[in-house]
Full PDB file with SEQRES, HELIX, SHEET, SSBOND, CRYST1, ORIGX, SCALE, CONECT and MASTER records, all heavy atoms in Angstrom:
SEQRES   1 A   38  ARG LYS ARG LEU GLU HIS LEU TRP LYS THR LEU ARG TYR          
SEQRES   2 A   38  PRO GLY ARG THR PHE SER THR VAL SER PRO THR ARG TYR          
SEQRES   3 A   38  ALA ARG ARG LEU CYS GLN TRP VAL GLU ALA HIS THR              
HELIX    1 AA1 LYS A    2  ARG A   12  1                                  11    
HELIX    2 AA2 PRO A   23  ALA A   36  1                                  14    
CRYST1    1.000    1.000    1.000  90.00  90.00  90.00 P 1           1          
ORIGX1      1.000000  0.000000  0.000000        0.00000                         
ORIGX2      0.000000  1.000000  0.000000        0.00000                         
ORIGX3      0.000000  0.000000  1.000000        0.00000                         
SCALE1      1.000000  0.000000  0.000000        0.00000                         
SCALE2      0.000000  1.000000  0.000000        0.00000                         
SCALE3      0.000000  0.000000  1.000000        0.00000                         
ATOM      1  N   ARG A   1     -25.143 -43.332 -23.855  1.00  0.00           N  
ATOM      2  CA  ARG A   1     -25.414 -41.894 -24.058  1.00  0.00           C  
ATOM      3  C   ARG A   1     -25.570 -41.577 -25.531  1.00  0.00           C  
ATOM      4  O   ARG A   1     -26.504 -40.874 -25.903  1.00  0.00           O  
ATOM      5  CB  ARG A   1     -24.254 -41.086 -23.495  1.00  0.00           C  
ATOM      6  CG  ARG A   1     -24.432 -39.565 -23.562  1.00  0.00           C  
ATOM      7  CD  ARG A   1     -23.113 -38.849 -23.306  1.00  0.00           C  
ATOM      8  NE  ARG A   1     -22.580 -39.291 -22.021  1.00  0.00           N  
ATOM      9  CZ  ARG A   1     -22.297 -38.471 -20.996  1.00  0.00           C  
ATOM     10  NH1 ARG A   1     -22.552 -37.197 -21.153  1.00  0.00           N  
ATOM     11  NH2 ARG A   1     -21.803 -38.949 -19.889  1.00  0.00           N  
ATOM     12  N   LYS A   2     -24.700 -42.089 -26.386  1.00  0.00           N  
ATOM     13  CA  LYS A   2     -24.820 -41.831 -27.828  1.00  0.00           C  
ATOM     14  C   LYS A   2     -25.987 -42.579 -28.447  1.00  0.00           C  
ATOM     15  O   LYS A   2     -26.574 -42.085 -29.439  1.00  0.00           O  
ATOM     16  CB  LYS A   2     -23.471 -42.198 -28.500  1.00  0.00           C  
ATOM     17  CG  LYS A   2     -22.383 -41.224 -28.243  1.00  0.00           C  
ATOM     18  CD  LYS A   2     -22.704 -39.869 -28.871  1.00  0.00           C  
ATOM     19  CE  LYS A   2     -21.644 -38.796 -28.569  1.00  0.00           C  
ATOM     20  NZ  LYS A   2     -22.018 -37.492 -29.166  1.00  0.00           N  
ATOM     21  N   ARG A   3     -26.321 -43.752 -27.976  1.00  0.00           N  
ATOM     22  CA  ARG A   3     -27.508 -44.459 -28.490  1.00  0.00           C  
ATOM     23  C   ARG A   3     -28.818 -43.696 -28.219  1.00  0.00           C  
ATOM     24  O   ARG A   3     -29.661 -43.583 -29.098  1.00  0.00           O  
ATOM     25  CB  ARG A   3     -27.553 -45.868 -27.882  1.00  0.00           C  
ATOM     26  CG  ARG A   3     -26.435 -46.772 -28.332  1.00  0.00           C  
ATOM     27  CD  ARG A   3     -26.436 -48.109 -27.584  1.00  0.00           C  
ATOM     28  NE  ARG A   3     -25.240 -48.866 -27.848  1.00  0.00           N  
ATOM     29  CZ  ARG A   3     -25.084 -49.700 -28.899  1.00  0.00           C  
ATOM     30  NH1 ARG A   3     -26.106 -49.882 -29.760  1.00  0.00           N  
ATOM     31  NH2 ARG A   3     -23.961 -50.392 -29.067  1.00  0.00           N  
ATOM     32  N   LEU A   4     -28.896 -43.132 -27.007  1.00  0.00           N  
ATOM     33  CA  LEU A   4     -30.063 -42.306 -26.716  1.00  0.00           C  
ATOM     34  C   LEU A   4     -30.074 -41.025 -27.538  1.00  0.00           C  
ATOM     35  O   LEU A   4     -31.124 -40.581 -27.988  1.00  0.00           O  
ATOM     36  CB  LEU A   4     -30.057 -41.969 -25.198  1.00  0.00           C  
ATOM     37  CG  LEU A   4     -30.276 -43.128 -24.265  1.00  0.00           C  
ATOM     38  CD1 LEU A   4     -30.109 -42.694 -22.823  1.00  0.00           C  
ATOM     39  CD2 LEU A   4     -31.635 -43.792 -24.491  1.00  0.00           C  
ATOM     40  N   GLU A   5     -28.903 -40.456 -27.740  1.00  0.00           N  
ATOM     41  CA  GLU A   5     -28.806 -39.262 -28.568  1.00  0.00           C  
ATOM     42  C   GLU A   5     -29.230 -39.580 -30.021  1.00  0.00           C  
ATOM     43  O   GLU A   5     -29.861 -38.754 -30.684  1.00  0.00           O  
ATOM     44  CB  GLU A   5     -27.371 -38.738 -28.579  1.00  0.00           C  
ATOM     45  CG  GLU A   5     -27.174 -37.414 -29.337  1.00  0.00           C  
ATOM     46  CD  GLU A   5     -25.755 -36.908 -29.251  1.00  0.00           C  
ATOM     47  OE1 GLU A   5     -25.089 -37.099 -28.208  1.00  0.00           O  
ATOM     48  OE2 GLU A   5     -25.270 -36.272 -30.237  1.00  0.00           O  
ATOM     49  N   HIS A   6     -28.846 -40.781 -30.491  1.00  0.00           N  
ATOM     50  CA  HIS A   6     -29.271 -41.198 -31.875  1.00  0.00           C  
ATOM     51  C   HIS A   6     -30.796 -41.259 -31.964  1.00  0.00           C  
ATOM     52  O   HIS A   6     -31.382 -40.815 -32.938  1.00  0.00           O  
ATOM     53  CB  HIS A   6     -28.660 -42.570 -32.173  1.00  0.00           C  
ATOM     54  CG  HIS A   6     -29.216 -43.184 -33.419  1.00  0.00           C  
ATOM     55  ND1 HIS A   6     -28.947 -42.767 -34.664  1.00  0.00           N  
ATOM     56  CD2 HIS A   6     -30.097 -44.229 -33.568  1.00  0.00           C  
ATOM     57  CE1 HIS A   6     -29.586 -43.486 -35.560  1.00  0.00           C  
ATOM     58  NE2 HIS A   6     -30.306 -44.386 -34.930  1.00  0.00           N  
ATOM     59  N   LEU A   7     -31.456 -41.846 -30.950  1.00  0.00           N  
ATOM     60  CA  LEU A   7     -32.891 -41.938 -30.989  1.00  0.00           C  
ATOM     61  C   LEU A   7     -33.536 -40.579 -30.951  1.00  0.00           C  
ATOM     62  O   LEU A   7     -34.512 -40.281 -31.716  1.00  0.00           O  
ATOM     63  CB  LEU A   7     -33.376 -42.756 -29.767  1.00  0.00           C  
ATOM     64  CG  LEU A   7     -33.020 -44.238 -29.741  1.00  0.00           C  
ATOM     65  CD1 LEU A   7     -33.492 -44.877 -28.460  1.00  0.00           C  
ATOM     66  CD2 LEU A   7     -33.641 -44.960 -30.975  1.00  0.00           C  
ATOM     67  N   TRP A   8     -33.025 -39.657 -30.144  1.00  0.00           N  
ATOM     68  CA  TRP A   8     -33.574 -38.325 -30.067  1.00  0.00           C  
ATOM     69  C   TRP A   8     -33.416 -37.591 -31.418  1.00  0.00           C  
ATOM     70  O   TRP A   8     -34.366 -36.930 -31.898  1.00  0.00           O  
ATOM     71  CB  TRP A   8     -32.883 -37.528 -28.944  1.00  0.00           C  
ATOM     72  CG  TRP A   8     -33.401 -36.149 -28.858  1.00  0.00           C  
ATOM     73  CD1 TRP A   8     -34.527 -35.705 -28.195  1.00  0.00           C  
ATOM     74  CD2 TRP A   8     -32.805 -34.957 -29.426  1.00  0.00           C  
ATOM     75  NE1 TRP A   8     -34.673 -34.341 -28.340  1.00  0.00           N  
ATOM     76  CE2 TRP A   8     -33.644 -33.856 -29.078  1.00  0.00           C  
ATOM     77  CE3 TRP A   8     -31.652 -34.716 -30.195  1.00  0.00           C  
ATOM     78  CZ2 TRP A   8     -33.332 -32.562 -29.469  1.00  0.00           C  
ATOM     79  CZ3 TRP A   8     -31.373 -33.449 -30.577  1.00  0.00           C  
ATOM     80  CH2 TRP A   8     -32.212 -32.373 -30.204  1.00  0.00           C  
ATOM     81  N   LYS A   9     -32.275 -37.691 -32.021  1.00  0.00           N  
ATOM     82  CA  LYS A   9     -32.025 -36.979 -33.293  1.00  0.00           C  
ATOM     83  C   LYS A   9     -32.813 -37.565 -34.441  1.00  0.00           C  
ATOM     84  O   LYS A   9     -33.213 -36.855 -35.378  1.00  0.00           O  
ATOM     85  CB  LYS A   9     -30.521 -36.997 -33.637  1.00  0.00           C  
ATOM     86  CG  LYS A   9     -29.697 -36.076 -32.732  1.00  0.00           C  
ATOM     87  CD  LYS A   9     -28.250 -36.011 -33.207  1.00  0.00           C  
ATOM     88  CE  LYS A   9     -27.468 -34.979 -32.370  1.00  0.00           C  
ATOM     89  NZ  LYS A   9     -26.049 -34.878 -32.800  1.00  0.00           N  
ATOM     90  N   THR A  10     -33.114 -38.895 -34.373  1.00  0.00           N  
ATOM     91  CA  THR A  10     -33.959 -39.515 -35.362  1.00  0.00           C  
ATOM     92  C   THR A  10     -35.358 -38.855 -35.382  1.00  0.00           C  
ATOM     93  O   THR A  10     -35.973 -38.630 -36.435  1.00  0.00           O  
ATOM     94  CB  THR A  10     -34.076 -41.023 -35.133  1.00  0.00           C  
ATOM     95  OG1 THR A  10     -32.783 -41.607 -35.164  1.00  0.00           O  
ATOM     96  CG2 THR A  10     -34.945 -41.700 -36.187  1.00  0.00           C  
ATOM     97  N   LEU A  11     -35.856 -38.585 -34.197  1.00  0.00           N  
ATOM     98  CA  LEU A  11     -37.151 -37.919 -34.037  1.00  0.00           C  
ATOM     99  C   LEU A  11     -37.050 -36.417 -34.387  1.00  0.00           C  
ATOM    100  O   LEU A  11     -37.981 -35.840 -34.987  1.00  0.00           O  
ATOM    101  CB  LEU A  11     -37.718 -38.107 -32.623  1.00  0.00           C  
ATOM    102  CG  LEU A  11     -37.956 -39.544 -32.197  1.00  0.00           C  
ATOM    103  CD1 LEU A  11     -38.363 -39.620 -30.737  1.00  0.00           C  
ATOM    104  CD2 LEU A  11     -39.036 -40.207 -33.065  1.00  0.00           C  
ATOM    105  N   ARG A  12     -35.975 -35.823 -33.990  1.00  0.00           N  
ATOM    106  CA  ARG A  12     -35.805 -34.356 -34.160  1.00  0.00           C  
ATOM    107  C   ARG A  12     -35.533 -33.992 -35.611  1.00  0.00           C  
ATOM    108  O   ARG A  12     -35.953 -32.905 -36.060  1.00  0.00           O  
ATOM    109  CB  ARG A  12     -34.629 -33.890 -33.254  1.00  0.00           C  
ATOM    110  CG  ARG A  12     -34.309 -32.412 -33.368  1.00  0.00           C  
ATOM    111  CD  ARG A  12     -35.410 -31.565 -32.781  1.00  0.00           C  
ATOM    112  NE  ARG A  12     -35.040 -30.156 -32.770  1.00  0.00           N  
ATOM    113  CZ  ARG A  12     -35.159 -29.337 -33.830  1.00  0.00           C  
ATOM    114  NH1 ARG A  12     -35.639 -29.809 -34.963  1.00  0.00           N  
ATOM    115  NH2 ARG A  12     -34.812 -28.086 -33.722  1.00  0.00           N  
ATOM    116  N   TYR A  13     -34.773 -34.798 -36.349  1.00  0.00           N  
ATOM    117  CA  TYR A  13     -34.362 -34.497 -37.733  1.00  0.00           C  
ATOM    118  C   TYR A  13     -34.788 -35.596 -38.675  1.00  0.00           C  
ATOM    119  O   TYR A  13     -33.950 -36.250 -39.311  1.00  0.00           O  
ATOM    120  CB  TYR A  13     -32.861 -34.297 -37.814  1.00  0.00           C  
ATOM    121  CG  TYR A  13     -32.324 -33.266 -36.853  1.00  0.00           C  
ATOM    122  CD1 TYR A  13     -31.573 -33.647 -35.739  1.00  0.00           C  
ATOM    123  CD2 TYR A  13     -32.562 -31.904 -37.032  1.00  0.00           C  
ATOM    124  CE1 TYR A  13     -31.045 -32.694 -34.870  1.00  0.00           C  
ATOM    125  CE2 TYR A  13     -32.051 -30.952 -36.180  1.00  0.00           C  
ATOM    126  CZ  TYR A  13     -31.312 -31.352 -35.072  1.00  0.00           C  
ATOM    127  OH  TYR A  13     -30.790 -30.427 -34.196  1.00  0.00           O  
ATOM    128  N   PRO A  14     -36.089 -35.846 -38.899  1.00  0.00           N  
ATOM    129  CA  PRO A  14     -36.514 -36.910 -39.826  1.00  0.00           C  
ATOM    130  C   PRO A  14     -36.057 -36.617 -41.242  1.00  0.00           C  
ATOM    131  O   PRO A  14     -36.237 -35.520 -41.741  1.00  0.00           O  
ATOM    132  CB  PRO A  14     -38.047 -36.875 -39.683  1.00  0.00           C  
ATOM    133  CG  PRO A  14     -38.380 -35.503 -39.183  1.00  0.00           C  
ATOM    134  CD  PRO A  14     -37.227 -35.119 -38.306  1.00  0.00           C  
ATOM    135  N   GLY A  15     -35.500 -37.630 -41.872  1.00  0.00           N  
ATOM    136  CA  GLY A  15     -35.057 -37.504 -43.266  1.00  0.00           C  
ATOM    137  C   GLY A  15     -33.759 -36.755 -43.454  1.00  0.00           C  
ATOM    138  O   GLY A  15     -33.318 -36.570 -44.606  1.00  0.00           O  
ATOM    139  N   ARG A  16     -33.101 -36.337 -42.377  1.00  0.00           N  
ATOM    140  CA  ARG A  16     -31.841 -35.611 -42.504  1.00  0.00           C  
ATOM    141  C   ARG A  16     -30.710 -36.452 -41.901  1.00  0.00           C  
ATOM    142  O   ARG A  16     -30.910 -37.305 -41.027  1.00  0.00           O  
ATOM    143  CB  ARG A  16     -31.909 -34.291 -41.793  1.00  0.00           C  
ATOM    144  CG  ARG A  16     -33.025 -33.347 -42.361  1.00  0.00           C  
ATOM    145  CD  ARG A  16     -33.040 -32.022 -41.644  1.00  0.00           C  
ATOM    146  NE  ARG A  16     -31.834 -31.244 -41.921  1.00  0.00           N  
ATOM    147  CZ  ARG A  16     -31.505 -30.132 -41.269  1.00  0.00           C  
ATOM    148  NH1 ARG A  16     -32.256 -29.699 -40.272  1.00  0.00           N  
ATOM    149  NH2 ARG A  16     -30.417 -29.461 -41.578  1.00  0.00           N  
ATOM    150  N   THR A  17     -29.466 -36.175 -42.317  1.00  0.00           N  
ATOM    151  CA  THR A  17     -28.320 -36.909 -41.804  1.00  0.00           C  
ATOM    152  C   THR A  17     -27.635 -36.155 -40.715  1.00  0.00           C  
ATOM    153  O   THR A  17     -27.524 -34.892 -40.752  1.00  0.00           O  
ATOM    154  CB  THR A  17     -27.290 -37.162 -42.936  1.00  0.00           C  
ATOM    155  OG1 THR A  17     -26.882 -35.912 -43.515  1.00  0.00           O  
ATOM    156  CG2 THR A  17     -27.877 -38.034 -44.014  1.00  0.00           C  
ATOM    157  N   PHE A  18     -27.271 -36.833 -39.645  1.00  0.00           N  
ATOM    158  CA  PHE A  18     -26.630 -36.216 -38.487  1.00  0.00           C  
ATOM    159  C   PHE A  18     -25.473 -37.101 -38.031  1.00  0.00           C  
ATOM    160  O   PHE A  18     -25.367 -38.269 -38.505  1.00  0.00           O  
ATOM    161  CB  PHE A  18     -27.654 -35.968 -37.346  1.00  0.00           C  
ATOM    162  CG  PHE A  18     -28.528 -37.150 -37.074  1.00  0.00           C  
ATOM    163  CD1 PHE A  18     -28.128 -38.198 -36.263  1.00  0.00           C  
ATOM    164  CD2 PHE A  18     -29.805 -37.175 -37.634  1.00  0.00           C  
ATOM    165  CE1 PHE A  18     -28.966 -39.259 -35.992  1.00  0.00           C  
ATOM    166  CE2 PHE A  18     -30.671 -38.267 -37.393  1.00  0.00           C  
ATOM    167  CZ  PHE A  18     -30.234 -39.279 -36.578  1.00  0.00           C  
ATOM    168  N   SER A  19     -24.684 -36.623 -37.123  1.00  0.00           N  
ATOM    169  CA  SER A  19     -23.407 -37.283 -36.804  1.00  0.00           C  
ATOM    170  C   SER A  19     -23.611 -38.511 -35.939  1.00  0.00           C  
ATOM    171  O   SER A  19     -22.815 -39.488 -35.982  1.00  0.00           O  
ATOM    172  CB  SER A  19     -22.445 -36.301 -36.115  1.00  0.00           C  
ATOM    173  OG  SER A  19     -22.943 -35.887 -34.899  1.00  0.00           O  
ATOM    174  N   THR A  20     -24.626 -38.539 -35.056  1.00  0.00           N  
ATOM    175  CA  THR A  20     -24.744 -39.616 -34.076  1.00  0.00           C  
ATOM    176  C   THR A  20     -25.454 -40.791 -34.674  1.00  0.00           C  
ATOM    177  O   THR A  20     -26.684 -40.920 -34.578  1.00  0.00           O  
ATOM    178  CB  THR A  20     -25.470 -39.105 -32.839  1.00  0.00           C  
ATOM    179  OG1 THR A  20     -24.879 -37.865 -32.408  1.00  0.00           O  
ATOM    180  CG2 THR A  20     -25.310 -40.116 -31.697  1.00  0.00           C  
ATOM    181  N   VAL A  21     -24.692 -41.693 -35.311  1.00  0.00           N  
ATOM    182  CA  VAL A  21     -25.210 -42.936 -35.829  1.00  0.00           C  
ATOM    183  C   VAL A  21     -24.263 -44.047 -35.393  1.00  0.00           C  
ATOM    184  O   VAL A  21     -23.232 -43.799 -34.777  1.00  0.00           O  
ATOM    185  CB  VAL A  21     -25.297 -42.874 -37.388  1.00  0.00           C  
ATOM    186  CG1 VAL A  21     -26.349 -41.863 -37.829  1.00  0.00           C  
ATOM    187  CG2 VAL A  21     -23.936 -42.533 -38.024  1.00  0.00           C  
ATOM    188  N   SER A  22     -24.575 -45.282 -35.709  1.00  0.00           N  
ATOM    189  CA  SER A  22     -23.729 -46.388 -35.314  1.00  0.00           C  
ATOM    190  C   SER A  22     -22.354 -46.276 -35.964  1.00  0.00           C  
ATOM    191  O   SER A  22     -22.205 -45.696 -37.041  1.00  0.00           O  
ATOM    192  CB  SER A  22     -24.359 -47.717 -35.708  1.00  0.00           C  
ATOM    193  OG  SER A  22     -24.284 -47.886 -37.166  1.00  0.00           O  
ATOM    194  N   PRO A  23     -21.301 -46.805 -35.298  1.00  0.00           N  
ATOM    195  CA  PRO A  23     -19.961 -46.778 -35.881  1.00  0.00           C  
ATOM    196  C   PRO A  23     -19.881 -47.344 -37.282  1.00  0.00           C  
ATOM    197  O   PRO A  23     -19.147 -46.850 -38.146  1.00  0.00           O  
ATOM    198  CB  PRO A  23     -19.114 -47.532 -34.885  1.00  0.00           C  
ATOM    199  CG  PRO A  23     -19.790 -47.358 -33.594  1.00  0.00           C  
ATOM    200  CD  PRO A  23     -21.283 -47.362 -33.926  1.00  0.00           C  
ATOM    201  N   THR A  24     -20.662 -48.402 -37.553  1.00  0.00           N  
ATOM    202  CA  THR A  24     -20.656 -48.985 -38.877  1.00  0.00           C  
ATOM    203  C   THR A  24     -21.175 -48.054 -39.941  1.00  0.00           C  
ATOM    204  O   THR A  24     -20.594 -47.841 -40.991  1.00  0.00           O  
ATOM    205  CB  THR A  24     -21.490 -50.301 -38.888  1.00  0.00           C  
ATOM    206  OG1 THR A  24     -20.870 -51.249 -37.994  1.00  0.00           O  
ATOM    207  CG2 THR A  24     -21.550 -50.910 -40.291  1.00  0.00           C  
ATOM    208  N   ARG A  25     -22.337 -47.450 -39.637  1.00  0.00           N  
ATOM    209  CA  ARG A  25     -22.915 -46.493 -40.568  1.00  0.00           C  
ATOM    210  C   ARG A  25     -22.033 -45.240 -40.691  1.00  0.00           C  
ATOM    211  O   ARG A  25     -21.886 -44.669 -41.783  1.00  0.00           O  
ATOM    212  CB  ARG A  25     -24.323 -46.110 -40.103  1.00  0.00           C  
ATOM    213  CG  ARG A  25     -25.086 -45.227 -41.084  1.00  0.00           C  
ATOM    214  CD  ARG A  25     -26.463 -44.942 -40.555  1.00  0.00           C  
ATOM    215  NE  ARG A  25     -27.199 -44.041 -41.406  1.00  0.00           N  
ATOM    216  CZ  ARG A  25     -28.396 -43.522 -41.139  1.00  0.00           C  
ATOM    217  NH1 ARG A  25     -28.985 -43.892 -40.001  1.00  0.00           N  
ATOM    218  NH2 ARG A  25     -28.974 -42.687 -41.921  1.00  0.00           N  
ATOM    219  N   TYR A  26     -21.470 -44.782 -39.585  1.00  0.00           N  
ATOM    220  CA  TYR A  26     -20.649 -43.589 -39.600  1.00  0.00           C  
ATOM    221  C   TYR A  26     -19.439 -43.798 -40.514  1.00  0.00           C  
ATOM    222  O   TYR A  26     -19.127 -42.949 -41.364  1.00  0.00           O  
ATOM    223  CB  TYR A  26     -20.181 -43.258 -38.185  1.00  0.00           C  
ATOM    224  CG  TYR A  26     -19.606 -41.888 -38.041  1.00  0.00           C  
ATOM    225  CD1 TYR A  26     -20.380 -40.814 -37.550  1.00  0.00           C  
ATOM    226  CD2 TYR A  26     -18.288 -41.572 -38.373  1.00  0.00           C  
ATOM    227  CE1 TYR A  26     -19.875 -39.535 -37.435  1.00  0.00           C  
ATOM    228  CE2 TYR A  26     -17.743 -40.314 -38.252  1.00  0.00           C  
ATOM    229  CZ  TYR A  26     -18.548 -39.295 -37.791  1.00  0.00           C  
ATOM    230  OH  TYR A  26     -18.019 -38.012 -37.658  1.00  0.00           O  
ATOM    231  N   ALA A  27     -18.760 -44.946 -40.394  1.00  0.00           N  
ATOM    232  CA  ALA A  27     -17.595 -45.209 -41.186  1.00  0.00           C  
ATOM    233  C   ALA A  27     -17.964 -45.315 -42.687  1.00  0.00           C  
ATOM    234  O   ALA A  27     -17.271 -44.746 -43.542  1.00  0.00           O  
ATOM    235  CB  ALA A  27     -16.963 -46.532 -40.750  1.00  0.00           C  
ATOM    236  N   ARG A  28     -19.046 -46.020 -42.968  1.00  0.00           N  
ATOM    237  CA  ARG A  28     -19.448 -46.199 -44.383  1.00  0.00           C  
ATOM    238  C   ARG A  28     -19.790 -44.834 -44.975  1.00  0.00           C  
ATOM    239  O   ARG A  28     -19.429 -44.554 -46.139  1.00  0.00           O  
ATOM    240  CB  ARG A  28     -20.638 -47.114 -44.411  1.00  0.00           C  
ATOM    241  CG  ARG A  28     -21.152 -47.391 -45.865  1.00  0.00           C  
ATOM    242  CD  ARG A  28     -22.237 -48.468 -45.924  1.00  0.00           C  
ATOM    243  NE  ARG A  28     -23.426 -48.025 -45.188  1.00  0.00           N  
ATOM    244  CZ  ARG A  28     -23.839 -48.616 -44.046  1.00  0.00           C  
ATOM    245  NH1 ARG A  28     -23.154 -49.636 -43.530  1.00  0.00           N  
ATOM    246  NH2 ARG A  28     -24.915 -48.200 -43.459  1.00  0.00           N  
ATOM    247  N   ARG A  29     -20.526 -44.035 -44.242  1.00  0.00           N  
ATOM    248  CA  ARG A  29     -20.977 -42.735 -44.776  1.00  0.00           C  
ATOM    249  C   ARG A  29     -19.800 -41.788 -45.066  1.00  0.00           C  
ATOM    250  O   ARG A  29     -19.785 -41.096 -46.116  1.00  0.00           O  
ATOM    251  CB  ARG A  29     -21.933 -42.107 -43.789  1.00  0.00           C  
ATOM    252  CG  ARG A  29     -22.670 -40.882 -44.318  1.00  0.00           C  
ATOM    253  CD  ARG A  29     -23.708 -40.398 -43.306  1.00  0.00           C  
ATOM    254  NE  ARG A  29     -23.111 -39.998 -42.076  1.00  0.00           N  
ATOM    255  CZ  ARG A  29     -23.819 -39.728 -40.954  1.00  0.00           C  
ATOM    256  NH1 ARG A  29     -25.147 -39.806 -40.994  1.00  0.00           N  
ATOM    257  NH2 ARG A  29     -23.194 -39.286 -39.838  1.00  0.00           N  
ATOM    258  N   LEU A  30     -18.806 -41.800 -44.169  1.00  0.00           N  
ATOM    259  CA  LEU A  30     -17.630 -40.887 -44.424  1.00  0.00           C  
ATOM    260  C   LEU A  30     -16.837 -41.380 -45.610  1.00  0.00           C  
ATOM    261  O   LEU A  30     -16.357 -40.548 -46.408  1.00  0.00           O  
ATOM    262  CB  LEU A  30     -16.762 -40.868 -43.130  1.00  0.00           C  
ATOM    263  CG  LEU A  30     -15.627 -39.814 -43.157  1.00  0.00           C  
ATOM    264  CD1 LEU A  30     -16.157 -38.426 -43.438  1.00  0.00           C  
ATOM    265  CD2 LEU A  30     -14.850 -39.842 -41.853  1.00  0.00           C  
ATOM    266  N   CYS A  31     -16.704 -42.697 -45.756  1.00  0.00           N  
ATOM    267  CA  CYS A  31     -15.992 -43.208 -46.960  1.00  0.00           C  
ATOM    268  C   CYS A  31     -16.759 -42.845 -48.234  1.00  0.00           C  
ATOM    269  O   CYS A  31     -16.123 -42.486 -49.244  1.00  0.00           O  
ATOM    270  CB  CYS A  31     -15.848 -44.708 -46.866  1.00  0.00           C  
ATOM    271  SG  CYS A  31     -14.590 -45.254 -45.661  1.00  0.00           S  
ATOM    272  N   GLN A  32     -18.077 -42.925 -48.160  1.00  0.00           N  
ATOM    273  CA  GLN A  32     -18.866 -42.572 -49.361  1.00  0.00           C  
ATOM    274  C   GLN A  32     -18.741 -41.088 -49.649  1.00  0.00           C  
ATOM    275  O   GLN A  32     -18.735 -40.695 -50.840  1.00  0.00           O  
ATOM    276  CB  GLN A  32     -20.368 -42.929 -49.105  1.00  0.00           C  
ATOM    277  CG  GLN A  32     -20.607 -44.426 -49.079  1.00  0.00           C  
ATOM    278  CD  GLN A  32     -22.022 -44.763 -48.615  1.00  0.00           C  
ATOM    279  OE1 GLN A  32     -22.744 -43.970 -48.054  1.00  0.00           O  
ATOM    280  NE2 GLN A  32     -22.428 -46.001 -48.901  1.00  0.00           N  
ATOM    281  N   TRP A  33     -18.609 -40.260 -48.618  1.00  0.00           N  
ATOM    282  CA  TRP A  33     -18.430 -38.809 -48.851  1.00  0.00           C  
ATOM    283  C   TRP A  33     -17.128 -38.569 -49.597  1.00  0.00           C  
ATOM    284  O   TRP A  33     -17.099 -37.791 -50.574  1.00  0.00           O  
ATOM    285  CB  TRP A  33     -18.444 -38.063 -47.530  1.00  0.00           C  
ATOM    286  CG  TRP A  33     -18.428 -36.571 -47.687  1.00  0.00           C  
ATOM    287  CD1 TRP A  33     -19.485 -35.744 -47.631  1.00  0.00           C  
ATOM    288  CD2 TRP A  33     -17.288 -35.745 -47.975  1.00  0.00           C  
ATOM    289  NE1 TRP A  33     -19.132 -34.420 -47.854  1.00  0.00           N  
ATOM    290  CE2 TRP A  33     -17.774 -34.404 -48.062  1.00  0.00           C  
ATOM    291  CE3 TRP A  33     -15.943 -36.000 -48.116  1.00  0.00           C  
ATOM    292  CZ2 TRP A  33     -16.925 -33.322 -48.304  1.00  0.00           C  
ATOM    293  CZ3 TRP A  33     -15.101 -34.908 -48.377  1.00  0.00           C  
ATOM    294  CH2 TRP A  33     -15.594 -33.608 -48.492  1.00  0.00           C  
ATOM    295  N   VAL A  34     -16.057 -39.233 -49.146  1.00  0.00           N  
ATOM    296  CA  VAL A  34     -14.745 -39.047 -49.828  1.00  0.00           C  
ATOM    297  C   VAL A  34     -14.812 -39.506 -51.265  1.00  0.00           C  
ATOM    298  O   VAL A  34     -14.343 -38.842 -52.186  1.00  0.00           O  
ATOM    299  CB  VAL A  34     -13.673 -39.760 -49.058  1.00  0.00           C  
ATOM    300  CG1 VAL A  34     -12.333 -39.698 -49.818  1.00  0.00           C  
ATOM    301  CG2 VAL A  34     -13.510 -39.147 -47.666  1.00  0.00           C  
ATOM    302  N   GLU A  35     -15.439 -40.641 -51.503  1.00  0.00           N  
ATOM    303  CA  GLU A  35     -15.570 -41.160 -52.845  1.00  0.00           C  
ATOM    304  C   GLU A  35     -16.347 -40.204 -53.762  1.00  0.00           C  
ATOM    305  O   GLU A  35     -15.996 -39.980 -54.923  1.00  0.00           O  
ATOM    306  CB  GLU A  35     -16.242 -42.518 -52.857  1.00  0.00           C  
ATOM    307  CG  GLU A  35     -16.308 -43.187 -54.201  1.00  0.00           C  
ATOM    308  CD  GLU A  35     -16.813 -44.619 -54.141  1.00  0.00           C  
ATOM    309  OE1 GLU A  35     -17.324 -45.015 -53.062  1.00  0.00           O  
ATOM    310  OE2 GLU A  35     -16.722 -45.347 -55.172  1.00  0.00           O  
ATOM    311  N   ALA A  36     -17.401 -39.593 -53.216  1.00  0.00           N  
ATOM    312  CA  ALA A  36     -18.233 -38.726 -54.035  1.00  0.00           C  
ATOM    313  C   ALA A  36     -17.588 -37.367 -54.265  1.00  0.00           C  
ATOM    314  O   ALA A  36     -17.963 -36.652 -55.215  1.00  0.00           O  
ATOM    315  CB  ALA A  36     -19.567 -38.501 -53.314  1.00  0.00           C  
ATOM    316  N   HIS A  37     -16.607 -36.990 -53.496  1.00  0.00           N  
ATOM    317  CA  HIS A  37     -15.993 -35.649 -53.576  1.00  0.00           C  
ATOM    318  C   HIS A  37     -14.543 -35.686 -54.051  1.00  0.00           C  
ATOM    319  O   HIS A  37     -13.808 -34.744 -53.865  1.00  0.00           O  
ATOM    320  CB  HIS A  37     -16.064 -34.910 -52.243  1.00  0.00           C  
ATOM    321  CG  HIS A  37     -17.491 -34.513 -51.882  1.00  0.00           C  
ATOM    322  ND1 HIS A  37     -18.341 -35.404 -51.255  1.00  0.00           N  
ATOM    323  CD2 HIS A  37     -18.184 -33.342 -52.047  1.00  0.00           C  
ATOM    324  CE1 HIS A  37     -19.491 -34.772 -51.055  1.00  0.00           C  
ATOM    325  NE2 HIS A  37     -19.430 -33.536 -51.516  1.00  0.00           N  
ATOM    326  N   THR A  38     -14.097 -36.795 -54.645  1.00  0.00           N  
ATOM    327  CA  THR A  38     -12.745 -36.872 -55.212  1.00  0.00           C  
ATOM    328  C   THR A  38     -12.831 -37.314 -56.671  1.00  0.00           C  
ATOM    329  O   THR A  38     -13.763 -37.984 -57.106  1.00  0.00           O  
ATOM    330  CB  THR A  38     -11.887 -37.890 -54.444  1.00  0.00           C  
ATOM    331  OG1 THR A  38     -12.555 -39.152 -54.402  1.00  0.00           O  
ATOM    332  CG2 THR A  38     -11.614 -37.424 -53.058  1.00  0.00           C  
TER     333      THR A  38                                                      
MASTER        0    0    0    2    0    0    0    6  332    1    0    3          
END                                                                             
């Protein structure tokens, strides 16, 4: 379900970041957010 949602959002929001990505990318991106905002 989430993999299909990821494909749909990739088409719907080109060039923008959204929540439904792979767990690896999701974890890395949240850590980068904390690093950039502390």
